[in-house]
Amino acid sequence: MKFVDRTFNANKDFSREIWKYLIELNPSTSFHFEIAADLLEDEDLRILKEAPQGLFQFEIGVQSTNKKY
């Protein structure tokens, strides 16, 4: 299942609750999220570390390495 939202993790409370729910549910379906790498925090990594292998797939795009943009 693909969540079509280029910055799924922009709302931290929302994304974390969804991830925790899916980890607890442990379905046979895999989930694809588009997230912004610069918004990831230690709390997100702690949550995602608990996910079974293959449950989540992430699309993380680097927009620019130029700090002006």
PDB file of N, CA and C in Angstrom:
ATOM      1  N   MET A   1       0.845  -1.141   0.000  1.00  0.00           N
ATOM      2  CA  MET A   1       0.000   0.000   0.000  1.00  0.00           C
ATOM      3  C   MET A   1       0.907   1.224   0.000  1.00  0.00           C
ATOM      4  N   LYS A   2       0.597   2.192  -0.835  1.00  0.00           N
ATOM      5  CA  LYS A   2       1.433   3.386  -0.929  1.00  0.00           C
ATOM      6  C   LYS A   2       0.685   4.593  -0.385  1.00  0.00           C
ATOM      7  N   PHE A   3       1.317   5.282   0.542  1.00  0.00           N
ATOM      8  CA  PHE A   3       0.795   6.539   1.053  1.00  0.00           C
ATOM      9  C   PHE A   3       1.364   7.645   0.166  1.00  0.00           C
ATOM     10  N   VAL A   4       0.515   8.298  -0.593  1.00  0.00           N
ATOM     11  CA  VAL A   4       0.964   9.314  -1.539  1.00  0.00           C
ATOM     12  C   VAL A   4       0.929  10.676  -0.849  1.00  0.00           C
ATOM     13  N   ASP A   5       2.021  10.996  -0.223  1.00  0.00           N
ATOM     14  CA  ASP A   5       2.203  12.265   0.481  1.00  0.00           C
ATOM     15  C   ASP A   5       3.707  12.474   0.516  1.00  0.00           C
ATOM     16  N   ARG A   6       4.196  13.433  -0.215  1.00  0.00           N
ATOM     17  CA  ARG A   6       5.646  13.601  -0.359  1.00  0.00           C
ATOM     18  C   ARG A   6       6.364  13.876   0.958  1.00  0.00           C
ATOM     19  N   THR A   7       5.650  14.385   1.905  1.00  0.00           N
ATOM     20  CA  THR A   7       6.260  14.643   3.219  1.00  0.00           C
ATOM     21  C   THR A   7       5.391  14.000   4.303  1.00  0.00           C
ATOM     22  N   PHE A   8       5.242  12.706   4.208  1.00  0.00           N
ATOM     23  CA  PHE A   8       4.400  11.971   5.156  1.00  0.00           C
ATOM     24  C   PHE A   8       4.796  12.256   6.597  1.00  0.00           C
ATOM     25  N   ASN A   9       6.076  12.459   6.843  1.00  0.00           N
ATOM     26  CA  ASN A   9       6.550  12.670   8.208  1.00  0.00           C
ATOM     27  C   ASN A   9       6.607  14.132   8.624  1.00  0.00           C
ATOM     28  N   ALA A  10       5.967  15.024   7.885  1.00  0.00           N
ATOM     29  CA  ALA A  10       5.961  16.442   8.268  1.00  0.00           C
ATOM     30  C   ALA A  10       5.178  16.650   9.563  1.00  0.00           C
ATOM     31  N   ASN A  11       4.078  15.938   9.719  1.00  0.00           N
ATOM     32  CA  ASN A  11       3.314  15.981  10.961  1.00  0.00           C
ATOM     33  C   ASN A  11       3.800  14.805  11.804  1.00  0.00           C
ATOM     34  N   LYS A  12       4.700  15.086  12.708  1.00  0.00           N
ATOM     35  CA  LYS A  12       5.385  14.036  13.468  1.00  0.00           C
ATOM     36  C   LYS A  12       4.435  13.168  14.284  1.00  0.00           C
ATOM     37  N   ASP A  13       3.476  13.775  14.957  1.00  0.00           N
ATOM     38  CA  ASP A  13       2.538  12.988  15.765  1.00  0.00           C
ATOM     39  C   ASP A  13       1.754  12.019  14.884  1.00  0.00           C
ATOM     40  N   PHE A  14       1.296  12.492  13.743  1.00  0.00           N
ATOM     41  CA  PHE A  14       0.515  11.673  12.818  1.00  0.00           C
ATOM     42  C   PHE A  14       1.335  10.501  12.275  1.00  0.00           C
ATOM     43  N   SER A  15       2.506  10.803  11.735  1.00  0.00           N
ATOM     44  CA  SER A  15       3.316   9.740  11.124  1.00  0.00           C
ATOM     45  C   SER A  15       3.757   8.714  12.167  1.00  0.00           C
ATOM     46  N   ARG A  16       4.136   9.163  13.327  1.00  0.00           N
ATOM     47  CA  ARG A  16       4.573   8.237  14.374  1.00  0.00           C
ATOM     48  C   ARG A  16       3.441   7.316  14.829  1.00  0.00           C
ATOM     49  N   GLU A  17       2.258   7.869  14.974  1.00  0.00           N
ATOM     50  CA  GLU A  17       1.116   7.044  15.388  1.00  0.00           C
ATOM     51  C   GLU A  17       0.767   6.012  14.326  1.00  0.00           C
ATOM     52  N   ILE A  18       0.814   6.397  13.061  1.00  0.00           N
ATOM     53  CA  ILE A  18       0.547   5.452  11.974  1.00  0.00           C
ATOM     54  C   ILE A  18       1.594   4.343  11.986  1.00  0.00           C
ATOM     55  N   TRP A  19       2.862   4.714  12.076  1.00  0.00           N
ATOM     56  CA  TRP A  19       3.932   3.710  12.083  1.00  0.00           C
ATOM     57  C   TRP A  19       3.784   2.761  13.268  1.00  0.00           C
ATOM     58  N   LYS A  20       3.523   3.298  14.459  1.00  0.00           N
ATOM     59  CA  LYS A  20       3.376   2.445  15.642  1.00  0.00           C
ATOM     60  C   LYS A  20       2.188   1.495  15.491  1.00  0.00           C
ATOM     61  N   TYR A  21       1.100   2.023  14.965  1.00  0.00           N
ATOM     62  CA  TYR A  21      -0.093   1.198  14.760  1.00  0.00           C
ATOM     63  C   TYR A  21       0.202   0.043  13.801  1.00  0.00           C
ATOM     64  N   LEU A  22       0.840   0.340  12.690  1.00  0.00           N
ATOM     65  CA  LEU A  22       1.136  -0.700  11.699  1.00  0.00           C
ATOM     66  C   LEU A  22       2.129  -1.724  12.237  1.00  0.00           C
ATOM     67  N   ILE A  23       3.093  -1.277  13.008  1.00  0.00           N
ATOM     68  CA  ILE A  23       4.053  -2.210  13.614  1.00  0.00           C
ATOM     69  C   ILE A  23       3.325  -3.149  14.571  1.00  0.00           C
ATOM     70  N   GLU A  24       2.435  -2.602  15.370  1.00  0.00           N
ATOM     71  CA  GLU A  24       1.676  -3.417  16.323  1.00  0.00           C
ATOM     72  C   GLU A  24       0.733  -4.376  15.595  1.00  0.00           C
ATOM     73  N   LEU A  25       0.123  -3.913  14.519  1.00  0.00           N
ATOM     74  CA  LEU A  25      -0.801  -4.728  13.739  1.00  0.00           C
ATOM     75  C   LEU A  25      -0.081  -5.875  13.033  1.00  0.00           C
ATOM     76  N   ASN A  26       1.139  -5.608  12.563  1.00  0.00           N
ATOM     77  CA  ASN A  26       1.991  -6.588  11.887  1.00  0.00           C
ATOM     78  C   ASN A  26       1.254  -7.322  10.755  1.00  0.00           C
ATOM     79  N   PRO A  27       0.736  -6.569   9.783  1.00  0.00           N
ATOM     80  CA  PRO A  27       0.006  -7.201   8.675  1.00  0.00           C
ATOM     81  C   PRO A  27       0.965  -7.836   7.671  1.00  0.00           C
ATOM     82  N   SER A  28       0.405  -8.596   6.739  1.00  0.00           N
ATOM     83  CA  SER A  28       1.226  -9.207   5.688  1.00  0.00           C
ATOM     84  C   SER A  28       1.465  -8.223   4.538  1.00  0.00           C
ATOM     85  N   THR A  29       0.790  -7.105   4.554  1.00  0.00           N
ATOM     86  CA  THR A  29       0.945  -6.065   3.531  1.00  0.00           C
ATOM     87  C   THR A  29       2.167  -5.220   3.836  1.00  0.00           C
ATOM     88  N   SER A  30       2.845  -4.747   2.793  1.00  0.00           N
ATOM     89  CA  SER A  30       3.944  -3.797   3.015  1.00  0.00           C
ATOM     90  C   SER A  30       3.440  -2.392   2.675  1.00  0.00           C
ATOM     91  N   PHE A  31       4.074  -1.395   3.275  1.00  0.00           N
ATOM     92  CA  PHE A  31       3.636  -0.009   3.150  1.00  0.00           C
ATOM     93  C   PHE A  31       4.779   0.862   2.648  1.00  0.00           C
ATOM     94  N   HIS A  32       4.445   1.722   1.705  1.00  0.00           N
ATOM     95  CA  HIS A  32       5.420   2.612   1.072  1.00  0.00           C
ATOM     96  C   HIS A  32       5.104   4.046   1.491  1.00  0.00           C
ATOM     97  N   PHE A  33       6.127   4.745   1.972  1.00  0.00           N
ATOM     98  CA  PHE A  33       5.967   6.136   2.406  1.00  0.00           C
ATOM     99  C   PHE A  33       6.997   7.007   1.718  1.00  0.00           C
ATOM    100  N   GLU A  34       6.585   8.202   1.319  1.00  0.00           N
ATOM    101  CA  GLU A  34       7.524   9.212   0.843  1.00  0.00           C
ATOM    102  C   GLU A  34       7.766  10.140   2.030  1.00  0.00           C
ATOM    103  N   ILE A  35       9.027  10.242   2.442  1.00  0.00           N
ATOM    104  CA  ILE A  35       9.332  11.076   3.605  1.00  0.00           C
ATOM    105  C   ILE A  35      10.479  12.033   3.295  1.00  0.00           C
ATOM    106  N   ALA A  36      10.586  13.042   4.141  1.00  0.00           N
ATOM    107  CA  ALA A  36      11.675  14.010   4.028  1.00  0.00           C
ATOM    108  C   ALA A  36      12.756  13.634   5.040  1.00  0.00           C
ATOM    109  N   ALA A  37      13.947  13.375   4.547  1.00  0.00           N
ATOM    110  CA  ALA A  37      15.044  12.923   5.413  1.00  0.00           C
ATOM    111  C   ALA A  37      15.402  13.957   6.469  1.00  0.00           C
ATOM    112  N   ASP A  38      15.322  15.226   6.120  1.00  0.00           N
ATOM    113  CA  ASP A  38      15.709  16.272   7.067  1.00  0.00           C
ATOM    114  C   ASP A  38      14.735  16.404   8.233  1.00  0.00           C
ATOM    115  N   LEU A  39      13.582  15.759   8.147  1.00  0.00           N
ATOM    116  CA  LEU A  39      12.602  15.809   9.237  1.00  0.00           C
ATOM    117  C   LEU A  39      12.700  14.622  10.190  1.00  0.00           C
ATOM    118  N   LEU A  40      13.517  13.632   9.835  1.00  0.00           N
ATOM    119  CA  LEU A  40      13.671  12.467  10.708  1.00  0.00           C
ATOM    120  C   LEU A  40      14.394  12.846  11.995  1.00  0.00           C
ATOM    121  N   GLU A  41      13.880  12.339  13.098  1.00  0.00           N
ATOM    122  CA  GLU A  41      14.492  12.572  14.412  1.00  0.00           C
ATOM    123  C   GLU A  41      14.765  11.218  15.067  1.00  0.00           C
ATOM    124  N   ASP A  42      15.504  11.257  16.152  1.00  0.00           N
ATOM    125  CA  ASP A  42      15.840  10.024  16.872  1.00  0.00           C
ATOM    126  C   ASP A  42      14.597   9.226  17.246  1.00  0.00           C
ATOM    127  N   GLU A  43      13.534   9.910  17.645  1.00  0.00           N
ATOM    128  CA  GLU A  43      12.288   9.227  18.020  1.00  0.00           C
ATOM    129  C   GLU A  43      11.730   8.423  16.841  1.00  0.00           C
ATOM    130  N   ASP A  44      11.791   8.981  15.633  1.00  0.00           N
ATOM    131  CA  ASP A  44      11.320   8.264  14.450  1.00  0.00           C
ATOM    132  C   ASP A  44      12.151   6.999  14.241  1.00  0.00           C
ATOM    133  N   LEU A  45      13.450   7.130  14.368  1.00  0.00           N
ATOM    134  CA  LEU A  45      14.328   5.980  14.165  1.00  0.00           C
ATOM    135  C   LEU A  45      14.094   4.898  15.215  1.00  0.00           C
ATOM    136  N   ARG A  46      13.816   5.299  16.451  1.00  0.00           N
ATOM    137  CA  ARG A  46      13.510   4.323  17.511  1.00  0.00           C
ATOM    138  C   ARG A  46      12.242   3.536  17.164  1.00  0.00           C
ATOM    139  N   ILE A  47      11.241   4.250  16.668  1.00  0.00           N
ATOM    140  CA  ILE A  47       9.984   3.592  16.295  1.00  0.00           C
ATOM    141  C   ILE A  47      10.214   2.656  15.111  1.00  0.00           C
ATOM    142  N   LEU A  48      10.852   3.151  14.082  1.00  0.00           N
ATOM    143  CA  LEU A  48      11.028   2.377  12.847  1.00  0.00           C
ATOM    144  C   LEU A  48      11.931   1.162  13.042  1.00  0.00           C
ATOM    145  N   LYS A  49      12.802   1.250  14.017  1.00  0.00           N
ATOM    146  CA  LYS A  49      13.695   0.127  14.324  1.00  0.00           C
ATOM    147  C   LYS A  49      12.905  -1.097  14.788  1.00  0.00           C
ATOM    148  N   GLU A  50      11.711  -0.887  15.302  1.00  0.00           N
ATOM    149  CA  GLU A  50      10.859  -1.967  15.805  1.00  0.00           C
ATOM    150  C   GLU A  50      10.055  -2.652  14.698  1.00  0.00           C
ATOM    151  N   ALA A  51      10.059  -2.088  13.501  1.00  0.00           N
ATOM    152  CA  ALA A  51       9.257  -2.644  12.400  1.00  0.00           C
ATOM    153  C   ALA A  51       9.857  -3.951  11.892  1.00  0.00           C
ATOM    154  N   PRO A  52       9.013  -4.932  11.642  1.00  0.00           N
ATOM    155  CA  PRO A  52       9.510  -6.172  11.033  1.00  0.00           C
ATOM    156  C   PRO A  52      10.102  -5.879   9.653  1.00  0.00           C
ATOM    157  N   GLN A  53      11.094  -6.635   9.273  1.00  0.00           N
ATOM    158  CA  GLN A  53      11.735  -6.445   7.979  1.00  0.00           C
ATOM    159  C   GLN A  53      10.693  -6.573   6.865  1.00  0.00           C
ATOM    160  N   GLY A  54      10.712  -5.614   5.942  1.00  0.00           N
ATOM    161  CA  GLY A  54       9.816  -5.640   4.801  1.00  0.00           C
ATOM    162  C   GLY A  54       8.477  -4.967   5.017  1.00  0.00           C
ATOM    163  N   LEU A  55       8.173  -4.570   6.251  1.00  0.00           N
ATOM    164  CA  LEU A  55       6.884  -3.919   6.509  1.00  0.00           C
ATOM    165  C   LEU A  55       6.819  -2.538   5.848  1.00  0.00           C
ATOM    166  N   PHE A  56       7.916  -1.787   5.941  1.00  0.00           N
ATOM    167  CA  PHE A  56       7.937  -0.430   5.398  1.00  0.00           C
ATOM    168  C   PHE A  56       8.975  -0.293   4.294  1.00  0.00           C
ATOM    169  N   GLN A  57       8.631   0.512   3.336  1.00  0.00           N
ATOM    170  CA  GLN A  57       9.558   0.916   2.281  1.00  0.00           C
ATOM    171  C   GLN A  57       9.485   2.435   2.232  1.00  0.00           C
ATOM    172  N   PHE A  58      10.654   3.079   2.137  1.00  0.00           N
ATOM    173  CA  PHE A  58      10.689   4.536   2.137  1.00  0.00           C
ATOM    174  C   PHE A  58      11.289   5.073   0.857  1.00  0.00           C
ATOM    175  N   GLU A  59      10.675   6.123   0.372  1.00  0.00           N
ATOM    176  CA  GLU A  59      11.206   6.883  -0.753  1.00  0.00           C
ATOM    177  C   GLU A  59      11.640   8.213  -0.163  1.00  0.00           C
ATOM    178  N   ILE A  60      12.941   8.450  -0.199  1.00  0.00           N
ATOM    179  CA  ILE A  60      13.495   9.655   0.426  1.00  0.00           C
ATOM    180  C   ILE A  60      14.289  10.400  -0.627  1.00  0.00           C
ATOM    181  N   GLY A  61      13.778  11.551  -1.016  1.00  0.00           N
ATOM    182  CA  GLY A  61      14.449  12.340  -2.055  1.00  0.00           C
ATOM    183  C   GLY A  61      15.259  13.469  -1.444  1.00  0.00           C
ATOM    184  N   VAL A  62      16.406  13.698  -1.998  1.00  0.00           N
ATOM    185  CA  VAL A  62      17.219  14.840  -1.603  1.00  0.00           C
ATOM    186  C   VAL A  62      16.879  15.970  -2.565  1.00  0.00           C
ATOM    187  N   GLN A  63      16.341  17.042  -2.045  1.00  0.00           N
ATOM    188  CA  GLN A  63      15.910  18.144  -2.904  1.00  0.00           C
ATOM    189  C   GLN A  63      17.068  19.014  -3.339  1.00  0.00           C
ATOM    190  N   SER A  64      17.965  19.330  -2.408  1.00  0.00           N
ATOM    191  CA  SER A  64      19.101  20.183  -2.738  1.00  0.00           C
ATOM    192  C   SER A  64      20.135  20.083  -1.613  1.00  0.00           C
ATOM    193  N   THR A  65      21.369  20.197  -1.989  1.00  0.00           N
ATOM    194  CA  THR A  65      22.426  20.275  -0.984  1.00  0.00           C
ATOM    195  C   THR A  65      22.917  21.715  -0.857  1.00  0.00           C
ATOM    196  N   ASN A  66      22.325  22.606  -1.616  1.00  0.00           N
ATOM    197  CA  ASN A  66      22.671  24.023  -1.576  1.00  0.00           C
ATOM    198  C   ASN A  66      21.834  24.694  -0.494  1.00  0.00           C
ATOM    199  N   LYS A  67      22.475  25.209   0.540  1.00  0.00           N
ATOM    200  CA  LYS A  67      21.748  25.777   1.680  1.00  0.00           C
ATOM    201  C   LYS A  67      20.909  27.005   1.307  1.00  0.00           C
ATOM    202  N   LYS A  68      21.152  27.614   0.150  1.00  0.00           N
ATOM    203  CA  LYS A  68      20.337  28.765  -0.284  1.00  0.00           C
ATOM    204  C   LYS A  68      18.933  28.343  -0.664  1.00  0.00           C
ATOM    205  N   TYR A  69      18.736  27.049  -0.977  1.00  0.00           N
ATOM    206  CA  TYR A  69      17.442  26.598  -1.461  1.00  0.00           C
ATOM    207  C   TYR A  69      16.739  25.716  -0.508  1.00  0.00           C
TER     208      TYR A  69
END
